[in-house]
Amino acid sequence: VTAPVTTMPRAGCRASSFTDRIRLFEF
């Protein structure tokens, strides 16, 4: 989980306080 999201969700989408902040790191 990264820092809080500062952008607004797209029209018709609901913001999720958790899943919208997930960042992927691939190894």
mmCIF file of all heavy atoms, coordinates in Angstrom:
data_MODEL
# 
_entry.id   MODEL 
# 
loop_
_atom_site.group_PDB 
_atom_site.id 
_atom_site.type_symbol 
_atom_site.label_atom_id 
_atom_site.label_alt_id 
_atom_site.label_comp_id 
_atom_site.label_asym_id 
_atom_site.label_entity_id 
_atom_site.label_seq_id 
_atom_site.pdbx_PDB_ins_code 
_atom_site.Cartn_x 
_atom_site.Cartn_y 
_atom_site.Cartn_z 
_atom_site.occupancy 
_atom_site.B_iso_or_equiv 
_atom_site.pdbx_formal_charge 
_atom_site.auth_seq_id 
_atom_site.auth_comp_id 
_atom_site.auth_asym_id 
_atom_site.auth_atom_id 
_atom_site.pdbx_PDB_model_num 
ATOM 1   N N   . VAL A 1 1  ? 0.860   -1.183  0.000   1.00 0.00 ? 1  VAL A N   1 
ATOM 2   C CA  . VAL A 1 1  ? 0.000   0.000   0.000   1.00 0.00 ? 1  VAL A CA  1 
ATOM 3   C C   . VAL A 1 1  ? 0.894   1.230   0.000   1.00 0.00 ? 1  VAL A C   1 
ATOM 4   O O   . VAL A 1 1  ? 1.826   1.340   0.792   1.00 0.00 ? 1  VAL A O   1 
ATOM 5   C CB  . VAL A 1 1  ? -0.928  0.012   1.239   1.00 0.00 ? 1  VAL A CB  1 
ATOM 6   C CG1 . VAL A 1 1  ? -1.735  1.290   1.288   1.00 0.00 ? 1  VAL A CG1 1 
ATOM 7   C CG2 . VAL A 1 1  ? -1.854  -1.191  1.210   1.00 0.00 ? 1  VAL A CG2 1 
ATOM 8   N N   . THR A 1 2  ? 0.605   2.150   -0.912  1.00 0.00 ? 2  THR A N   1 
ATOM 9   C CA  . THR A 1 2  ? 1.376   3.385   -1.013  1.00 0.00 ? 2  THR A CA  1 
ATOM 10  C C   . THR A 1 2  ? 0.646   4.507   -0.288  1.00 0.00 ? 2  THR A C   1 
ATOM 11  O O   . THR A 1 2  ? -0.364  4.281   0.367   1.00 0.00 ? 2  THR A O   1 
ATOM 12  C CB  . THR A 1 2  ? 1.591   3.763   -2.491  1.00 0.00 ? 2  THR A CB  1 
ATOM 13  O OG1 . THR A 1 2  ? 0.302   3.955   -3.096  1.00 0.00 ? 2  THR A OG1 1 
ATOM 14  C CG2 . THR A 1 2  ? 2.356   2.681   -3.224  1.00 0.00 ? 2  THR A CG2 1 
ATOM 15  N N   . ALA A 1 3  ? 1.137   5.702   -0.452  1.00 0.00 ? 3  ALA A N   1 
ATOM 16  C CA  . ALA A 1 3  ? 0.541   6.888   0.180   1.00 0.00 ? 3  ALA A CA  1 
ATOM 17  C C   . ALA A 1 3  ? -0.901  7.065   -0.285  1.00 0.00 ? 3  ALA A C   1 
ATOM 18  O O   . ALA A 1 3  ? -1.305  6.534   -1.323  1.00 0.00 ? 3  ALA A O   1 
ATOM 19  C CB  . ALA A 1 3  ? 1.366   8.119   -0.165  1.00 0.00 ? 3  ALA A CB  1 
ATOM 20  N N   . PRO A 1 4  ? -1.686  7.827   0.463   1.00 0.00 ? 4  PRO A N   1 
ATOM 21  C CA  . PRO A 1 4  ? -3.094  8.037   0.084   1.00 0.00 ? 4  PRO A CA  1 
ATOM 22  C C   . PRO A 1 4  ? -3.229  8.596   -1.335  1.00 0.00 ? 4  PRO A C   1 
ATOM 23  O O   . PRO A 1 4  ? -2.401  9.349   -1.808  1.00 0.00 ? 4  PRO A O   1 
ATOM 24  C CB  . PRO A 1 4  ? -3.587  9.065   1.101   1.00 0.00 ? 4  PRO A CB  1 
ATOM 25  C CG  . PRO A 1 4  ? -2.659  8.936   2.254   1.00 0.00 ? 4  PRO A CG  1 
ATOM 26  C CD  . PRO A 1 4  ? -1.338  8.511   1.685   1.00 0.00 ? 4  PRO A CD  1 
ATOM 27  N N   . VAL A 1 5  ? -4.307  8.177   -1.993  1.00 0.00 ? 5  VAL A N   1 
ATOM 28  C CA  . VAL A 1 5  ? -4.582  8.632   -3.356  1.00 0.00 ? 5  VAL A CA  1 
ATOM 29  C C   . VAL A 1 5  ? -5.007  10.087  -3.331  1.00 0.00 ? 5  VAL A C   1 
ATOM 30  O O   . VAL A 1 5  ? -5.824  10.490  -2.517  1.00 0.00 ? 5  VAL A O   1 
ATOM 31  C CB  . VAL A 1 5  ? -5.702  7.764   -3.986  1.00 0.00 ? 5  VAL A CB  1 
ATOM 32  C CG1 . VAL A 1 5  ? -6.099  8.297   -5.342  1.00 0.00 ? 5  VAL A CG1 1 
ATOM 33  C CG2 . VAL A 1 5  ? -5.256  6.328   -4.073  1.00 0.00 ? 5  VAL A CG2 1 
ATOM 34  N N   . THR A 1 6  ? -4.463  10.876  -4.239  1.00 0.00 ? 6  THR A N   1 
ATOM 35  C CA  . THR A 1 6  ? -4.807  12.296  -4.296  1.00 0.00 ? 6  THR A CA  1 
ATOM 36  C C   . THR A 1 6  ? -5.654  12.619  -5.514  1.00 0.00 ? 6  THR A C   1 
ATOM 37  O O   . THR A 1 6  ? -6.109  13.742  -5.657  1.00 0.00 ? 6  THR A O   1 
ATOM 38  C CB  . THR A 1 6  ? -3.529  13.159  -4.330  1.00 0.00 ? 6  THR A CB  1 
ATOM 39  O OG1 . THR A 1 6  ? -2.752  12.764  -5.462  1.00 0.00 ? 6  THR A OG1 1 
ATOM 40  C CG2 . THR A 1 6  ? -2.735  13.005  -3.051  1.00 0.00 ? 6  THR A CG2 1 
ATOM 41  N N   . THR A 1 7  ? -5.887  11.661  -6.398  1.00 0.00 ? 7  THR A N   1 
ATOM 42  C CA  . THR A 1 7  ? -6.705  11.913  -7.577  1.00 0.00 ? 7  THR A CA  1 
ATOM 43  C C   . THR A 1 7  ? -8.119  11.419  -7.339  1.00 0.00 ? 7  THR A C   1 
ATOM 44  O O   . THR A 1 7  ? -8.354  10.522  -6.531  1.00 0.00 ? 7  THR A O   1 
ATOM 45  C CB  . THR A 1 7  ? -6.125  11.192  -8.816  1.00 0.00 ? 7  THR A CB  1 
ATOM 46  O OG1 . THR A 1 7  ? -6.080  9.795   -8.546  1.00 0.00 ? 7  THR A OG1 1 
ATOM 47  C CG2 . THR A 1 7  ? -4.725  11.697  -9.133  1.00 0.00 ? 7  THR A CG2 1 
ATOM 48  N N   . MET A 1 8  ? -9.035  11.968  -8.068  1.00 0.00 ? 8  MET A N   1 
ATOM 49  C CA  . MET A 1 8  ? -10.435 11.573  -7.965  1.00 0.00 ? 8  MET A CA  1 
ATOM 50  C C   . MET A 1 8  ? -10.678 10.360  -8.858  1.00 0.00 ? 8  MET A C   1 
ATOM 51  O O   . MET A 1 8  ? -10.059 10.236  -9.915  1.00 0.00 ? 8  MET A O   1 
ATOM 52  C CB  . MET A 1 8  ? -11.348 12.729  -8.411  1.00 0.00 ? 8  MET A CB  1 
ATOM 53  C CG  . MET A 1 8  ? -11.269 13.946  -7.498  1.00 0.00 ? 8  MET A CG  1 
ATOM 54  S SD  . MET A 1 8  ? -11.808 13.582  -5.822  1.00 0.00 ? 8  MET A SD  1 
ATOM 55  C CE  . MET A 1 8  ? -13.512 13.215  -6.071  1.00 0.00 ? 8  MET A CE  1 
ATOM 56  N N   . PRO A 1 9  ? -11.568 9.449   -8.452  1.00 0.00 ? 9  PRO A N   1 
ATOM 57  C CA  . PRO A 1 9  ? -11.879 8.297   -9.302  1.00 0.00 ? 9  PRO A CA  1 
ATOM 58  C C   . PRO A 1 9  ? -12.576 8.737   -10.581 1.00 0.00 ? 9  PRO A C   1 
ATOM 59  O O   . PRO A 1 9  ? -13.215 9.787   -10.617 1.00 0.00 ? 9  PRO A O   1 
ATOM 60  C CB  . PRO A 1 9  ? -12.792 7.448   -8.418  1.00 0.00 ? 9  PRO A CB  1 
ATOM 61  C CG  . PRO A 1 9  ? -13.337 8.370   -7.397  1.00 0.00 ? 9  PRO A CG  1 
ATOM 62  C CD  . PRO A 1 9  ? -12.313 9.455   -7.211  1.00 0.00 ? 9  PRO A CD  1 
ATOM 63  N N   . ARG A 1 10 ? -12.442 7.909   -11.636 1.00 0.00 ? 10 ARG A N   1 
ATOM 64  C CA  . ARG A 1 10 ? -13.101 8.193   -12.907 1.00 0.00 ? 10 ARG A CA  1 
ATOM 65  C C   . ARG A 1 10 ? -14.613 8.188   -12.708 1.00 0.00 ? 10 ARG A C   1 
ATOM 66  O O   . ARG A 1 10 ? -15.133 7.571   -11.778 1.00 0.00 ? 10 ARG A O   1 
ATOM 67  C CB  . ARG A 1 10 ? -12.720 7.135   -13.936 1.00 0.00 ? 10 ARG A CB  1 
ATOM 68  C CG  . ARG A 1 10 ? -11.273 7.164   -14.301 1.00 0.00 ? 10 ARG A CG  1 
ATOM 69  C CD  . ARG A 1 10 ? -10.969 6.210   -15.449 1.00 0.00 ? 10 ARG A CD  1 
ATOM 70  N NE  . ARG A 1 10 ? -11.717 4.967   -15.420 1.00 0.00 ? 10 ARG A NE  1 
ATOM 71  C CZ  . ARG A 1 10 ? -11.215 3.784   -15.047 1.00 0.00 ? 10 ARG A CZ  1 
ATOM 72  N NH1 . ARG A 1 10 ? -9.960  3.691   -14.674 1.00 0.00 ? 10 ARG A NH1 1 
ATOM 73  N NH2 . ARG A 1 10 ? -11.966 2.705   -15.062 1.00 0.00 ? 10 ARG A NH2 1 
ATOM 74  N N   . ALA A 1 11 ? -15.317 8.843   -13.623 1.00 0.00 ? 11 ALA A N   1 
ATOM 75  C CA  . ALA A 1 11 ? -16.778 8.900   -13.571 1.00 0.00 ? 11 ALA A CA  1 
ATOM 76  C C   . ALA A 1 11 ? -17.337 7.478   -13.581 1.00 0.00 ? 11 ALA A C   1 
ATOM 77  O O   . ALA A 1 11 ? -16.899 6.636   -14.360 1.00 0.00 ? 11 ALA A O   1 
ATOM 78  C CB  . ALA A 1 11 ? -17.312 9.690   -14.754 1.00 0.00 ? 11 ALA A CB  1 
ATOM 79  N N   . GLY A 1 12 ? -18.271 7.213   -12.701 1.00 0.00 ? 12 GLY A N   1 
ATOM 80  C CA  . GLY A 1 12 ? -18.892 5.898   -12.621 1.00 0.00 ? 12 GLY A CA  1 
ATOM 81  C C   . GLY A 1 12 ? -18.139 4.902   -11.769 1.00 0.00 ? 12 GLY A C   1 
ATOM 82  O O   . GLY A 1 12 ? -18.588 3.784   -11.592 1.00 0.00 ? 12 GLY A O   1 
ATOM 83  N N   . CYS A 1 13 ? -16.991 5.290   -11.257 1.00 0.00 ? 13 CYS A N   1 
ATOM 84  C CA  . CYS A 1 13 ? -16.192 4.397   -10.413 1.00 0.00 ? 13 CYS A CA  1 
ATOM 85  C C   . CYS A 1 13 ? -16.227 4.896   -8.984  1.00 0.00 ? 13 CYS A C   1 
ATOM 86  O O   . CYS A 1 13 ? -16.258 6.090   -8.728  1.00 0.00 ? 13 CYS A O   1 
ATOM 87  C CB  . CYS A 1 13 ? -14.747 4.343   -10.892 1.00 0.00 ? 13 CYS A CB  1 
ATOM 88  S SG  . CYS A 1 13 ? -14.566 3.586   -12.502 1.00 0.00 ? 13 CYS A SG  1 
ATOM 89  N N   . ARG A 1 14 ? -16.194 3.944   -8.063  1.00 0.00 ? 14 ARG A N   1 
ATOM 90  C CA  . ARG A 1 14 ? -16.185 4.278   -6.647  1.00 0.00 ? 14 ARG A CA  1 
ATOM 91  C C   . ARG A 1 14 ? -14.764 4.109   -6.125  1.00 0.00 ? 14 ARG A C   1 
ATOM 92  O O   . ARG A 1 14 ? -14.102 3.117   -6.413  1.00 0.00 ? 14 ARG A O   1 
ATOM 93  C CB  . ARG A 1 14 ? -17.134 3.334   -5.896  1.00 0.00 ? 14 ARG A CB  1 
ATOM 94  C CG  . ARG A 1 14 ? -17.322 3.690   -4.445  1.00 0.00 ? 14 ARG A CG  1 
ATOM 95  C CD  . ARG A 1 14 ? -18.426 2.857   -3.842  1.00 0.00 ? 14 ARG A CD  1 
ATOM 96  N NE  . ARG A 1 14 ? -18.155 1.438   -3.885  1.00 0.00 ? 14 ARG A NE  1 
ATOM 97  C CZ  . ARG A 1 14 ? -17.610 0.755   -2.875  1.00 0.00 ? 14 ARG A CZ  1 
ATOM 98  N NH1 . ARG A 1 14 ? -17.287 1.352   -1.758  1.00 0.00 ? 14 ARG A NH1 1 
ATOM 99  N NH2 . ARG A 1 14 ? -17.401 -0.535  -2.989  1.00 0.00 ? 14 ARG A NH2 1 
ATOM 100 N N   . ALA A 1 15 ? -14.290 5.070   -5.364  1.00 0.00 ? 15 ALA A N   1 
ATOM 101 C CA  . ALA A 1 15 ? -12.939 4.990   -4.814  1.00 0.00 ? 15 ALA A CA  1 
ATOM 102 C C   . ALA A 1 15 ? -12.893 3.993   -3.664  1.00 0.00 ? 15 ALA A C   1 
ATOM 103 O O   . ALA A 1 15 ? -13.808 3.920   -2.859  1.00 0.00 ? 15 ALA A O   1 
ATOM 104 C CB  . ALA A 1 15 ? -12.485 6.359   -4.326  1.00 0.00 ? 15 ALA A CB  1 
ATOM 105 N N   . SER A 1 16 ? -11.834 3.222   -3.610  1.00 0.00 ? 16 SER A N   1 
ATOM 106 C CA  . SER A 1 16 ? -11.596 2.298   -2.507  1.00 0.00 ? 16 SER A CA  1 
ATOM 107 C C   . SER A 1 16 ? -10.379 2.811   -1.766  1.00 0.00 ? 16 SER A C   1 
ATOM 108 O O   . SER A 1 16 ? -9.326  3.002   -2.358  1.00 0.00 ? 16 SER A O   1 
ATOM 109 C CB  . SER A 1 16 ? -11.340 0.889   -3.025  1.00 0.00 ? 16 SER A CB  1 
ATOM 110 O OG  . SER A 1 16 ? -10.840 0.083   -1.991  1.00 0.00 ? 16 SER A OG  1 
ATOM 111 N N   . SER A 1 17 ? -10.507 3.014   -0.490  1.00 0.00 ? 17 SER A N   1 
ATOM 112 C CA  . SER A 1 17 ? -9.394  3.587   0.260   1.00 0.00 ? 17 SER A CA  1 
ATOM 113 C C   . SER A 1 17 ? -8.204  2.643   0.348   1.00 0.00 ? 17 SER A C   1 
ATOM 114 O O   . SER A 1 17 ? -7.105  3.071   0.643   1.00 0.00 ? 17 SER A O   1 
ATOM 115 C CB  . SER A 1 17 ? -9.851  3.962   1.667   1.00 0.00 ? 17 SER A CB  1 
ATOM 116 O OG  . SER A 1 17 ? -10.271 2.801   2.354   1.00 0.00 ? 17 SER A OG  1 
ATOM 117 N N   . PHE A 1 18 ? -8.409  1.374   0.063   1.00 0.00 ? 18 PHE A N   1 
ATOM 118 C CA  . PHE A 1 18 ? -7.323  0.409   0.172   1.00 0.00 ? 18 PHE A CA  1 
ATOM 119 C C   . PHE A 1 18 ? -6.807  -0.034  -1.195  1.00 0.00 ? 18 PHE A C   1 
ATOM 120 O O   . PHE A 1 18 ? -5.640  0.142   -1.517  1.00 0.00 ? 18 PHE A O   1 
ATOM 121 C CB  . PHE A 1 18 ? -7.787  -0.795  0.995   1.00 0.00 ? 18 PHE A CB  1 
ATOM 122 C CG  . PHE A 1 18 ? -6.796  -1.908  1.059   1.00 0.00 ? 18 PHE A CG  1 
ATOM 123 C CD1 . PHE A 1 18 ? -5.625  -1.758  1.784   1.00 0.00 ? 18 PHE A CD1 1 
ATOM 124 C CD2 . PHE A 1 18 ? -7.004  -3.084  0.377   1.00 0.00 ? 18 PHE A CD2 1 
ATOM 125 C CE1 . PHE A 1 18 ? -4.688  -2.779  1.838   1.00 0.00 ? 18 PHE A CE1 1 
ATOM 126 C CE2 . PHE A 1 18 ? -6.082  -4.108  0.429   1.00 0.00 ? 18 PHE A CE2 1 
ATOM 127 C CZ  . PHE A 1 18 ? -4.921  -3.942  1.159   1.00 0.00 ? 18 PHE A CZ  1 
ATOM 128 N N   . THR A 1 19 ? -7.661  -0.605  -1.995  1.00 0.00 ? 19 THR A N   1 
ATOM 129 C CA  . THR A 1 19 ? -7.198  -1.191  -3.257  1.00 0.00 ? 19 THR A CA  1 
ATOM 130 C C   . THR A 1 19 ? -6.678  -0.153  -4.241  1.00 0.00 ? 19 THR A C   1 
ATOM 131 O O   . THR A 1 19 ? -5.820  -0.468  -5.065  1.00 0.00 ? 19 THR A O   1 
ATOM 132 C CB  . THR A 1 19 ? -8.305  -2.032  -3.931  1.00 0.00 ? 19 THR A CB  1 
ATOM 133 O OG1 . THR A 1 19 ? -9.459  -1.225  -4.105  1.00 0.00 ? 19 THR A OG1 1 
ATOM 134 C CG2 . THR A 1 19 ? -8.636  -3.247  -3.095  1.00 0.00 ? 19 THR A CG2 1 
ATOM 135 N N   . ASP A 1 20 ? -7.151  1.069   -4.182  1.00 0.00 ? 20 ASP A N   1 
ATOM 136 C CA  . ASP A 1 20 ? -6.660  2.110   -5.089  1.00 0.00 ? 20 ASP A CA  1 
ATOM 137 C C   . ASP A 1 20 ? -5.244  2.548   -4.748  1.00 0.00 ? 20 ASP A C   1 
ATOM 138 O O   . ASP A 1 20 ? -4.600  3.224   -5.544  1.00 0.00 ? 20 ASP A O   1 
ATOM 139 C CB  . ASP A 1 20 ? -7.579  3.338   -5.064  1.00 0.00 ? 20 ASP A CB  1 
ATOM 140 C CG  . ASP A 1 20 ? -8.919  3.059   -5.725  1.00 0.00 ? 20 ASP A CG  1 
ATOM 141 O OD1 . ASP A 1 20 ? -9.005  2.054   -6.458  1.00 0.00 ? 20 ASP A OD1 1 
ATOM 142 O OD2 . ASP A 1 20 ? -9.858  3.834   -5.520  1.00 0.00 ? 20 ASP A OD2 1 
ATOM 143 N N   . ARG A 1 21 ? -4.770  2.184   -3.587  1.00 0.00 ? 21 ARG A N   1 
ATOM 144 C CA  . ARG A 1 21 ? -3.425  2.594   -3.161  1.00 0.00 ? 21 ARG A CA  1 
ATOM 145 C C   . ARG A 1 21 ? -2.399  1.477   -3.278  1.00 0.00 ? 21 ARG A C   1 
ATOM 146 O O   . ARG A 1 21 ? -1.260  1.643   -2.865  1.00 0.00 ? 21 ARG A O   1 
ATOM 147 C CB  . ARG A 1 21 ? -3.469  3.097   -1.720  1.00 0.00 ? 21 ARG A CB  1 
ATOM 148 C CG  . ARG A 1 21 ? -4.338  4.327   -1.562  1.00 0.00 ? 21 ARG A CG  1 
ATOM 149 C CD  . ARG A 1 21 ? -4.322  4.857   -0.150  1.00 0.00 ? 21 ARG A CD  1 
ATOM 150 N NE  . ARG A 1 21 ? -4.925  3.897   0.768   1.00 0.00 ? 21 ARG A NE  1 
ATOM 151 C CZ  . ARG A 1 21 ? -4.428  3.610   1.978   1.00 0.00 ? 21 ARG A CZ  1 
ATOM 152 N NH1 . ARG A 1 21 ? -3.360  4.209   2.427   1.00 0.00 ? 21 ARG A NH1 1 
ATOM 153 N NH2 . ARG A 1 21 ? -5.029  2.735   2.757   1.00 0.00 ? 21 ARG A NH2 1 
ATOM 154 N N   . ILE A 1 22 ? -2.767  0.346   -3.869  1.00 0.00 ? 22 ILE A N   1 
ATOM 155 C CA  . ILE A 1 22 ? -1.833  -0.779  -3.987  1.00 0.00 ? 22 ILE A CA  1 
ATOM 156 C C   . ILE A 1 22 ? -0.872  -0.527  -5.146  1.00 0.00 ? 22 ILE A C   1 
ATOM 157 O O   . ILE A 1 22 ? -1.267  -0.121  -6.231  1.00 0.00 ? 22 ILE A O   1 
ATOM 158 C CB  . ILE A 1 22 ? -2.591  -2.103  -4.187  1.00 0.00 ? 22 ILE A CB  1 
ATOM 159 C CG1 . ILE A 1 22 ? -3.310  -2.462  -2.893  1.00 0.00 ? 22 ILE A CG1 1 
ATOM 160 C CG2 . ILE A 1 22 ? -1.638  -3.215  -4.601  1.00 0.00 ? 22 ILE A CG2 1 
ATOM 161 C CD1 . ILE A 1 22 ? -4.128  -3.711  -2.978  1.00 0.00 ? 22 ILE A CD1 1 
ATOM 162 N N   . ARG A 1 23 ? 0.385   -0.783  -4.876  1.00 0.00 ? 23 ARG A N   1 
ATOM 163 C CA  . ARG A 1 23 ? 1.430   -0.672  -5.901  1.00 0.00 ? 23 ARG A CA  1 
ATOM 164 C C   . ARG A 1 23 ? 2.105   -2.029  -6.039  1.00 0.00 ? 23 ARG A C   1 
ATOM 165 O O   . ARG A 1 23 ? 2.348   -2.718  -5.049  1.00 0.00 ? 23 ARG A O   1 
ATOM 166 C CB  . ARG A 1 23 ? 2.445   0.389   -5.478  1.00 0.00 ? 23 ARG A CB  1 
ATOM 167 C CG  . ARG A 1 23 ? 3.498   0.602   -6.528  1.00 0.00 ? 23 ARG A CG  1 
ATOM 168 C CD  . ARG A 1 23 ? 4.244   1.879   -6.325  1.00 0.00 ? 23 ARG A CD  1 
ATOM 169 N NE  . ARG A 1 23 ? 5.325   1.909   -7.296  1.00 0.00 ? 23 ARG A NE  1 
ATOM 170 C CZ  . ARG A 1 23 ? 6.501   2.432   -7.078  1.00 0.00 ? 23 ARG A CZ  1 
ATOM 171 N NH1 . ARG A 1 23 ? 6.762   3.005   -5.923  1.00 0.00 ? 23 ARG A NH1 1 
ATOM 172 N NH2 . ARG A 1 23 ? 7.422   2.410   -8.002  1.00 0.00 ? 23 ARG A NH2 1 
ATOM 173 N N   . LEU A 1 24 ? 2.403   -2.416  -7.286  1.00 0.00 ? 24 LEU A N   1 
ATOM 174 C CA  . LEU A 1 24 ? 3.009   -3.713  -7.570  1.00 0.00 ? 24 LEU A CA  1 
ATOM 175 C C   . LEU A 1 24 ? 4.509   -3.569  -7.777  1.00 0.00 ? 24 LEU A C   1 
ATOM 176 O O   . LEU A 1 24 ? 4.964   -2.657  -8.469  1.00 0.00 ? 24 LEU A O   1 
ATOM 177 C CB  . LEU A 1 24 ? 2.393   -4.332  -8.828  1.00 0.00 ? 24 LEU A CB  1 
ATOM 178 C CG  . LEU A 1 24 ? 0.873   -4.440  -8.875  1.00 0.00 ? 24 LEU A CG  1 
ATOM 179 C CD1 . LEU A 1 24 ? 0.436   -5.056  -10.193 1.00 0.00 ? 24 LEU A CD1 1 
ATOM 180 C CD2 . LEU A 1 24 ? 0.347   -5.235  -7.715  1.00 0.00 ? 24 LEU A CD2 1 
ATOM 181 N N   . PHE A 1 25 ? 5.257   -4.498  -7.192  1.00 0.00 ? 25 PHE A N   1 
ATOM 182 C CA  . PHE A 1 25 ? 6.705   -4.569  -7.357  1.00 0.00 ? 25 PHE A CA  1 
ATOM 183 C C   . PHE A 1 25 ? 7.024   -5.961  -7.886  1.00 0.00 ? 25 PHE A C   1 
ATOM 184 O O   . PHE A 1 25 ? 6.745   -6.955  -7.211  1.00 0.00 ? 25 PHE A O   1 
ATOM 185 C CB  . PHE A 1 25 ? 7.421   -4.330  -6.025  1.00 0.00 ? 25 PHE A CB  1 
ATOM 186 C CG  . PHE A 1 25 ? 7.129   -2.980  -5.435  1.00 0.00 ? 25 PHE A CG  1 
ATOM 187 C CD1 . PHE A 1 25 ? 6.024   -2.792  -4.597  1.00 0.00 ? 25 PHE A CD1 1 
ATOM 188 C CD2 . PHE A 1 25 ? 7.930   -1.900  -5.723  1.00 0.00 ? 25 PHE A CD2 1 
ATOM 189 C CE1 . PHE A 1 25 ? 5.752   -1.561  -4.054  1.00 0.00 ? 25 PHE A CE1 1 
ATOM 190 C CE2 . PHE A 1 25 ? 7.666   -0.650  -5.175  1.00 0.00 ? 25 PHE A CE2 1 
ATOM 191 C CZ  . PHE A 1 25 ? 6.568   -0.481  -4.344  1.00 0.00 ? 25 PHE A CZ  1 
ATOM 192 N N   . GLU A 1 26 ? 7.598   -6.037  -9.085  1.00 0.00 ? 26 GLU A N   1 
ATOM 193 C CA  . GLU A 1 26 ? 7.864   -7.321  -9.722  1.00 0.00 ? 26 GLU A CA  1 
ATOM 194 C C   . GLU A 1 26 ? 9.349   -7.655  -9.646  1.00 0.00 ? 26 GLU A C   1 
ATOM 195 O O   . GLU A 1 26 ? 10.201  -6.793  -9.849  1.00 0.00 ? 26 GLU A O   1 
ATOM 196 C CB  . GLU A 1 26 ? 7.419   -7.298  -11.181 1.00 0.00 ? 26 GLU A CB  1 
ATOM 197 C CG  . GLU A 1 26 ? 7.508   -8.648  -11.843 1.00 0.00 ? 26 GLU A CG  1 
ATOM 198 C CD  . GLU A 1 26 ? 6.865   -8.679  -13.216 1.00 0.00 ? 26 GLU A CD  1 
ATOM 199 O OE1 . GLU A 1 26 ? 6.138   -7.733  -13.569 1.00 0.00 ? 26 GLU A OE1 1 
ATOM 200 O OE2 . GLU A 1 26 ? 7.094   -9.660  -13.923 1.00 0.00 ? 26 GLU A OE2 1 
ATOM 201 N N   . PHE A 1 27 ? 9.634   -8.941  -9.372  1.00 0.00 ? 27 PHE A N   1 
ATOM 202 C CA  . PHE A 1 27 ? 11.009  -9.409  -9.223  1.00 0.00 ? 27 PHE A CA  1 
ATOM 203 C C   . PHE A 1 27 ? 11.235  -10.638 -10.086 1.00 0.00 ? 27 PHE A C   1 
ATOM 204 O O   . PHE A 1 27 ? 10.374  -11.513 -10.155 1.00 0.00 ? 27 PHE A O   1 
ATOM 205 C CB  . PHE A 1 27 ? 11.312  -9.744  -7.756  1.00 0.00 ? 27 PHE A CB  1 
ATOM 206 C CG  . PHE A 1 27 ? 11.148  -8.563  -6.849  1.00 0.00 ? 27 PHE A CG  1 
ATOM 207 C CD1 . PHE A 1 27 ? 9.932   -8.320  -6.229  1.00 0.00 ? 27 PHE A CD1 1 
ATOM 208 C CD2 . PHE A 1 27 ? 12.195  -7.684  -6.647  1.00 0.00 ? 27 PHE A CD2 1 
ATOM 209 C CE1 . PHE A 1 27 ? 9.767   -7.220  -5.411  1.00 0.00 ? 27 PHE A CE1 1 
ATOM 210 C CE2 . PHE A 1 27 ? 12.041  -6.575  -5.834  1.00 0.00 ? 27 PHE A CE2 1 
ATOM 211 C CZ  . PHE A 1 27 ? 10.821  -6.338  -5.216  1.00 0.00 ? 27 PHE A CZ  1 
# 
